[in-house]
C-alpha atoms as a PDB file:
ATOM      1  CA  UNK A   1      31.995  12.781  11.734  1.00  0.00           C
ATOM      2  CA  UNK A   2      32.430  12.607   8.046  1.00  0.00           C
ATOM      3  CA  UNK A   3      33.300   8.921   7.722  1.00  0.00           C
ATOM      4  CA  UNK A   4      31.483   7.508  10.734  1.00  0.00           C
ATOM      5  CA  UNK A   5      28.830   4.857  10.703  1.00  0.00           C
ATOM      6  CA  UNK A   6      25.666   5.769   8.946  1.00  0.00           C
ATOM      7  CA  UNK A   7      22.880   6.474  11.382  1.00  0.00           C
ATOM      8  CA  UNK A   8      19.927   4.248  10.844  1.00  0.00           C
ATOM      9  CA  UNK A   9      16.920   6.391  10.254  1.00  0.00           C
ATOM     10  CA  UNK A  10      13.586   4.666  10.073  1.00  0.00           C
ATOM     11  CA  UNK A  11      11.393   5.396   7.115  1.00  0.00           C
ATOM     12  CA  UNK A  12       8.437   7.652   7.720  1.00  0.00           C
ATOM     13  CA  UNK A  13       5.031   6.016   8.110  1.00  0.00           C
ATOM     14  CA  UNK A  14       2.190   8.367   7.299  1.00  0.00           C
ATOM     15  CA  UNK A  15      -0.992   7.024   8.879  1.00  0.00           C
ATOM     16  CA  UNK A  16      -3.188   8.593   6.202  1.00  0.00           C
ATOM     17  CA  UNK A  17      -1.097   6.958   3.473  1.00  0.00           C
ATOM     18  CA  UNK A  18      -1.367   3.531   5.134  1.00  0.00           C
ATOM     19  CA  UNK A  19      -5.137   3.930   5.511  1.00  0.00           C
ATOM     20  CA  UNK A  20      -5.412   4.961   1.850  1.00  0.00           C
ATOM     21  CA  UNK A  21      -3.415   1.868   0.815  1.00  0.00           C
ATOM     22  CA  UNK A  22      -5.638  -0.383   2.939  1.00  0.00           C
ATOM     23  CA  UNK A  23      -8.823   1.109   1.510  1.00  0.00           C
ATOM     24  CA  UNK A  24      -7.636   0.870  -2.094  1.00  0.00           C
ATOM     25  CA  UNK A  25      -6.263  -2.637  -1.537  1.00  0.00           C
ATOM     26  CA  UNK A  26      -9.627  -3.825  -0.246  1.00  0.00           C
ATOM     27  CA  UNK A  27     -11.404  -2.158  -3.173  1.00  0.00           C
ATOM     28  CA  UNK A  28      -9.029  -3.797  -5.675  1.00  0.00           C
ATOM     29  CA  UNK A  29      -9.543  -7.243  -4.127  1.00  0.00           C
ATOM     30  CA  UNK A  30     -13.320  -6.842  -3.911  1.00  0.00           C
ATOM     31  CA  UNK A  31     -13.629  -5.773  -7.564  1.00  0.00           C
ATOM     32  CA  UNK A  32     -11.338  -8.641  -8.619  1.00  0.00           C
ATOM     33  CA  UNK A  33     -13.611 -11.060  -6.771  1.00  0.00           C
ATOM     34  CA  UNK A  34     -16.619  -9.694  -8.668  1.00  0.00           C
ATOM     35  CA  UNK A  35     -15.064  -9.532 -12.168  1.00  0.00           C
ATOM     36  CA  UNK A  36     -11.332  -9.378 -12.753  1.00  0.00           C
ATOM     37  CA  UNK A  37     -11.883  -8.445 -16.418  1.00  0.00           C
ATOM     38  CA  UNK A  38     -14.019  -5.389 -15.661  1.00  0.00           C
ATOM     39  CA  UNK A  39     -13.190  -1.732 -16.089  1.00  0.00           C
ATOM     40  CA  UNK A  40     -13.917  -1.256 -12.367  1.00  0.00           C
ATOM     41  CA  UNK A  41     -11.086  -3.659 -11.521  1.00  0.00           C
ATOM     42  CA  UNK A  42      -8.707  -1.862 -13.900  1.00  0.00           C
ATOM     43  CA  UNK A  43      -9.579   1.463 -12.256  1.00  0.00           C
ATOM     44  CA  UNK A  44      -9.164   0.053  -8.735  1.00  0.00           C
ATOM     45  CA  UNK A  45      -5.828  -1.550  -9.634  1.00  0.00           C
ATOM     46  CA  UNK A  46      -4.532   1.655 -11.248  1.00  0.00           C
ATOM     47  CA  UNK A  47      -5.522   3.709  -8.183  1.00  0.00           C
ATOM     48  CA  UNK A  48      -3.865   1.208  -5.822  1.00  0.00           C
ATOM     49  CA  UNK A  49      -0.691   1.036  -7.922  1.00  0.00           C
ATOM     50  CA  UNK A  50      -0.464   4.839  -8.074  1.00  0.00           C
ATOM     51  CA  UNK A  51      -0.675   5.229  -4.298  1.00  0.00           C
ATOM     52  CA  UNK A  52       1.637   2.244  -3.807  1.00  0.00           C
ATOM     53  CA  UNK A  53       4.271   3.992  -5.927  1.00  0.00           C
ATOM     54  CA  UNK A  54       4.142   7.040  -3.660  1.00  0.00           C
ATOM     55  CA  UNK A  55       4.513   5.032  -0.440  1.00  0.00           C
ATOM     56  CA  UNK A  56       7.594   4.159   1.578  1.00  0.00           C
ATOM     57  CA  UNK A  57       8.573   0.538   2.179  1.00  0.00           C
ATOM     58  CA  UNK A  58       7.451   0.900   5.805  1.00  0.00           C
ATOM     59  CA  UNK A  59       4.011   2.167   4.707  1.00  0.00           C
ATOM     60  CA  UNK A  60       3.656  -0.700   2.227  1.00  0.00           C
ATOM     61  CA  UNK A  61       4.589  -3.239   4.898  1.00  0.00           C
ATOM     62  CA  UNK A  62       2.111  -1.770   7.388  1.00  0.00           C
ATOM     63  CA  UNK A  63      -0.695  -1.785   4.800  1.00  0.00           C
ATOM     64  CA  UNK A  64       0.005  -5.313   3.543  1.00  0.00           C
ATOM     65  CA  UNK A  65       0.246  -6.610   7.118  1.00  0.00           C
ATOM     66  CA  UNK A  66      -3.155  -5.070   7.910  1.00  0.00           C
ATOM     67  CA  UNK A  67      -4.726  -6.421   4.712  1.00  0.00           C
ATOM     68  CA  UNK A  68      -3.389  -9.898   5.435  1.00  0.00           C
ATOM     69  CA  UNK A  69      -4.641  -9.724   9.024  1.00  0.00           C
ATOM     70  CA  UNK A  70      -8.143  -8.956   7.742  1.00  0.00           C
ATOM     71  CA  UNK A  71      -8.155 -11.714   5.161  1.00  0.00           C
ATOM     72  CA  UNK A  72      -7.357  -9.701   2.045  1.00  0.00           C
END
């Protein structure tokens, strides 16, 4: 059907991408806790933001839910 209802397709969730987001999110938070003005924090934030930009909304939600669950 050309003009039918749009099928709802769920966004892909790549487990490795979610795990990468979780790992980098924890690293960013841990370095911020140590010294938010350090080069290590800038590097951790840049790495997290880069991977975040390449993630789907579903992957971001899964990662943020997991980080929140673990107190990050």
